[in-house]
Amino acid sequence: MLKELLSGNRVSGAKQSRRALREGQARAVYLARDADPALTEPLRALCAERDVPVVDRYAMRELGQAAGIQVSAAVVTLLR
């Protein structure tokens, strides 16, 4: 599943992910299991509202690596 993030069109970070969800561009949202719930829960609710699948089984370090960025990531969104 993480290979999808490396090869697919994606954004990382809460702000860009929120924008993609609001604009209907999100295909799936990856929320790090060890991220602060104050950050992830509003995004999880927005995903439920927009009927976008959430994957929450990976750590921040794993998401950052899978997204091809140099830092850990709390949120990575796969775009349509």
N, C-alpha and C. Protein backbone atom coordinates (compact mmCIF):
# COMPACT_ATOMS: atom_id res chain seq x y z
N MET A 1 0.80 -1.21 0.00
CA MET A 1 0.00 0.00 0.00
C MET A 1 0.84 1.27 0.00
N LEU A 2 1.95 1.24 0.73
CA LEU A 2 2.80 2.43 0.77
C LEU A 2 3.46 2.72 -0.57
N LYS A 3 3.64 1.70 -1.40
CA LYS A 3 4.24 1.91 -2.72
C LYS A 3 3.38 2.84 -3.56
N GLU A 4 2.07 2.84 -3.30
CA GLU A 4 1.14 3.72 -3.99
C GLU A 4 1.52 5.19 -3.76
N LEU A 5 2.02 5.50 -2.58
CA LEU A 5 2.39 6.87 -2.27
C LEU A 5 3.62 7.33 -3.04
N LEU A 6 4.57 6.43 -3.25
CA LEU A 6 5.78 6.79 -4.00
C LEU A 6 5.49 7.05 -5.47
N SER A 7 4.61 6.24 -6.03
CA SER A 7 4.37 6.34 -7.47
C SER A 7 3.20 7.24 -7.82
N GLY A 8 2.33 7.53 -6.87
CA GLY A 8 1.13 8.30 -7.17
C GLY A 8 1.29 9.78 -6.94
N ASN A 9 0.34 10.54 -7.43
CA ASN A 9 0.28 11.98 -7.20
C ASN A 9 -0.21 12.18 -5.77
N ARG A 10 0.50 12.96 -4.97
CA ARG A 10 0.19 13.07 -3.55
C ARG A 10 0.56 14.44 -3.00
N VAL A 11 0.01 14.72 -1.83
CA VAL A 11 0.40 15.89 -1.05
C VAL A 11 0.65 15.41 0.38
N SER A 12 1.49 16.12 1.09
CA SER A 12 1.73 15.76 2.49
C SER A 12 1.45 16.98 3.36
N GLY A 13 1.07 16.71 4.58
CA GLY A 13 0.76 17.77 5.52
C GLY A 13 -0.73 17.99 5.66
N ALA A 14 -1.11 18.47 6.84
CA ALA A 14 -2.52 18.64 7.16
C ALA A 14 -3.19 19.71 6.30
N LYS A 15 -2.52 20.83 6.10
CA LYS A 15 -3.12 21.93 5.35
C LYS A 15 -3.40 21.54 3.90
N GLN A 16 -2.41 20.97 3.24
CA GLN A 16 -2.60 20.56 1.84
C GLN A 16 -3.60 19.41 1.73
N SER A 17 -3.59 18.52 2.69
CA SER A 17 -4.53 17.40 2.68
C SER A 17 -5.96 17.91 2.87
N ARG A 18 -6.14 18.84 3.78
CA ARG A 18 -7.47 19.43 4.01
C ARG A 18 -7.97 20.09 2.73
N ARG A 19 -7.11 20.81 2.06
CA ARG A 19 -7.48 21.48 0.81
C ARG A 19 -7.89 20.45 -0.24
N ALA A 20 -7.12 19.38 -0.38
CA ALA A 20 -7.44 18.34 -1.36
C ALA A 20 -8.78 17.69 -1.05
N LEU A 21 -9.07 17.48 0.23
CA LEU A 21 -10.36 16.90 0.62
C LEU A 21 -11.51 17.84 0.27
N ARG A 22 -11.36 19.09 0.59
CA ARG A 22 -12.42 20.07 0.32
C ARG A 22 -12.68 20.25 -1.17
N GLU A 23 -11.62 20.13 -1.97
CA GLU A 23 -11.76 20.31 -3.42
C GLU A 23 -12.12 19.02 -4.14
N GLY A 24 -12.30 17.93 -3.40
CA GLY A 24 -12.68 16.66 -4.01
C GLY A 24 -11.57 15.97 -4.78
N GLN A 25 -10.32 16.28 -4.46
CA GLN A 25 -9.18 15.71 -5.17
C GLN A 25 -8.58 14.49 -4.47
N ALA A 26 -9.02 14.21 -3.24
CA ALA A 26 -8.42 13.13 -2.45
C ALA A 26 -9.00 11.78 -2.82
N ARG A 27 -8.11 10.82 -3.06
CA ARG A 27 -8.53 9.44 -3.33
C ARG A 27 -8.43 8.61 -2.06
N ALA A 28 -7.43 8.86 -1.23
CA ALA A 28 -7.24 8.18 0.05
C ALA A 28 -6.36 9.05 0.93
N VAL A 29 -6.57 8.97 2.24
CA VAL A 29 -5.78 9.75 3.19
C VAL A 29 -5.09 8.79 4.14
N TYR A 30 -3.79 8.96 4.28
CA TYR A 30 -2.97 8.16 5.19
C TYR A 30 -2.70 9.01 6.43
N LEU A 31 -3.18 8.55 7.58
CA LEU A 31 -2.95 9.24 8.85
C LEU A 31 -2.00 8.39 9.68
N ALA A 32 -0.94 8.98 10.16
CA ALA A 32 0.04 8.24 10.97
C ALA A 32 -0.57 7.83 12.30
N ARG A 33 -0.34 6.60 12.69
CA ARG A 33 -0.92 6.08 13.92
C ARG A 33 -0.32 6.75 15.16
N ASP A 34 0.89 7.31 15.03
CA ASP A 34 1.54 7.95 16.17
C ASP A 34 1.50 9.47 16.10
N ALA A 35 0.66 10.01 15.24
CA ALA A 35 0.52 11.47 15.14
C ALA A 35 -0.44 11.97 16.22
N ASP A 36 -0.36 13.24 16.50
CA ASP A 36 -1.22 13.88 17.51
C ASP A 36 -2.68 13.81 17.06
N PRO A 37 -3.55 13.22 17.88
CA PRO A 37 -4.97 13.13 17.53
C PRO A 37 -5.63 14.49 17.29
N ALA A 38 -5.11 15.54 17.93
CA ALA A 38 -5.66 16.88 17.69
C ALA A 38 -5.49 17.29 16.24
N LEU A 39 -4.49 16.73 15.58
CA LEU A 39 -4.26 17.00 14.15
C LEU A 39 -5.03 16.03 13.27
N THR A 40 -5.04 14.76 13.63
CA THR A 40 -5.61 13.74 12.74
C THR A 40 -7.13 13.60 12.84
N GLU A 41 -7.70 13.80 14.01
CA GLU A 41 -9.13 13.57 14.16
C GLU A 41 -10.01 14.49 13.30
N PRO A 42 -9.70 15.79 13.20
CA PRO A 42 -10.51 16.63 12.30
C PRO A 42 -10.40 16.16 10.83
N LEU A 43 -9.24 15.70 10.44
CA LEU A 43 -9.08 15.19 9.07
C LEU A 43 -9.85 13.88 8.90
N ARG A 44 -9.83 13.03 9.92
CA ARG A 44 -10.58 11.78 9.86
C ARG A 44 -12.08 12.08 9.70
N ALA A 45 -12.58 13.08 10.42
CA ALA A 45 -13.99 13.46 10.32
C ALA A 45 -14.32 14.00 8.93
N LEU A 46 -13.42 14.79 8.37
CA LEU A 46 -13.63 15.33 7.02
C LEU A 46 -13.62 14.21 5.99
N CYS A 47 -12.77 13.22 6.19
CA CYS A 47 -12.74 12.06 5.30
C CYS A 47 -14.07 11.30 5.35
N ALA A 48 -14.61 11.13 6.56
CA ALA A 48 -15.88 10.43 6.71
C ALA A 48 -17.00 11.21 6.02
N GLU A 49 -16.96 12.52 6.16
CA GLU A 49 -17.95 13.40 5.54
C GLU A 49 -17.88 13.31 4.01
N ARG A 50 -16.67 13.21 3.47
CA ARG A 50 -16.46 13.19 2.02
C ARG A 50 -16.39 11.77 1.45
N ASP A 51 -16.55 10.77 2.32
CA ASP A 51 -16.50 9.35 1.91
C ASP A 51 -15.15 8.99 1.26
N VAL A 52 -14.07 9.44 1.90
CA VAL A 52 -12.72 9.16 1.43
C VAL A 52 -12.10 8.15 2.39
N PRO A 53 -11.54 7.05 1.87
CA PRO A 53 -10.94 6.04 2.75
C PRO A 53 -9.74 6.57 3.53
N VAL A 54 -9.61 6.09 4.77
CA VAL A 54 -8.50 6.46 5.65
C VAL A 54 -7.68 5.21 5.94
N VAL A 55 -6.36 5.34 5.81
CA VAL A 55 -5.43 4.27 6.18
C VAL A 55 -4.65 4.80 7.37
N ASP A 56 -4.68 4.07 8.49
CA ASP A 56 -4.02 4.58 9.70
C ASP A 56 -3.15 3.54 10.39
N ARG A 57 -2.50 2.70 9.61
CA ARG A 57 -1.69 1.64 10.22
C ARG A 57 -0.19 1.90 10.19
N TYR A 58 0.25 3.02 9.65
CA TYR A 58 1.68 3.30 9.52
C TYR A 58 2.13 4.41 10.46
N ALA A 59 3.41 4.39 10.81
CA ALA A 59 4.01 5.42 11.67
C ALA A 59 4.40 6.63 10.84
N MET A 60 4.61 7.74 11.51
CA MET A 60 4.98 8.99 10.83
C MET A 60 6.24 8.81 9.99
N ARG A 61 7.23 8.12 10.55
CA ARG A 61 8.49 7.89 9.83
C ARG A 61 8.23 7.13 8.53
N GLU A 62 7.39 6.09 8.61
CA GLU A 62 7.08 5.28 7.43
C GLU A 62 6.36 6.10 6.36
N LEU A 63 5.43 6.95 6.78
CA LEU A 63 4.70 7.77 5.81
C LEU A 63 5.62 8.78 5.13
N GLY A 64 6.51 9.38 5.90
CA GLY A 64 7.45 10.33 5.31
C GLY A 64 8.33 9.67 4.26
N GLN A 65 8.85 8.50 4.58
CA GLN A 65 9.69 7.77 3.62
C GLN A 65 8.90 7.37 2.39
N ALA A 66 7.69 6.88 2.59
CA ALA A 66 6.86 6.43 1.47
C ALA A 66 6.46 7.60 0.57
N ALA A 67 6.34 8.78 1.15
CA ALA A 67 5.98 9.96 0.36
C ALA A 67 7.19 10.58 -0.32
N GLY A 68 8.38 10.06 -0.01
CA GLY A 68 9.60 10.55 -0.64
C GLY A 68 10.06 11.89 -0.09
N ILE A 69 9.73 12.17 1.17
CA ILE A 69 10.19 13.42 1.78
C ILE A 69 11.22 13.10 2.86
N GLN A 70 11.99 14.09 3.25
CA GLN A 70 13.11 13.90 4.17
C GLN A 70 12.70 13.88 5.64
N VAL A 71 11.45 14.19 5.94
CA VAL A 71 10.99 14.25 7.33
C VAL A 71 9.80 13.33 7.54
N SER A 72 9.43 13.12 8.79
CA SER A 72 8.25 12.32 9.09
C SER A 72 7.00 13.08 8.66
N ALA A 73 5.93 12.33 8.40
CA ALA A 73 4.67 12.95 7.97
C ALA A 73 3.51 12.40 8.78
N ALA A 74 2.69 13.29 9.31
CA ALA A 74 1.50 12.88 10.05
C ALA A 74 0.37 12.53 9.08
N VAL A 75 0.36 13.21 7.93
CA VAL A 75 -0.72 13.03 6.96
C VAL A 75 -0.14 13.06 5.54
N VAL A 76 -0.55 12.09 4.75
CA VAL A 76 -0.22 12.08 3.32
C VAL A 76 -1.50 11.72 2.58
N THR A 77 -1.82 12.49 1.56
CA THR A 77 -3.05 12.27 0.81
C THR A 77 -2.72 11.88 -0.63
N LEU A 78 -3.30 10.78 -1.05
CA LEU A 78 -3.16 10.32 -2.42
C LEU A 78 -4.23 11.01 -3.25
N LEU A 79 -3.82 11.65 -4.33
CA LEU A 79 -4.75 12.42 -5.15
C LEU A 79 -5.29 11.61 -6.31
N ARG A 80 -6.42 12.04 -6.81
CA ARG A 80 -7.06 11.39 -7.97
C ARG A 80 -6.26 11.62 -9.22
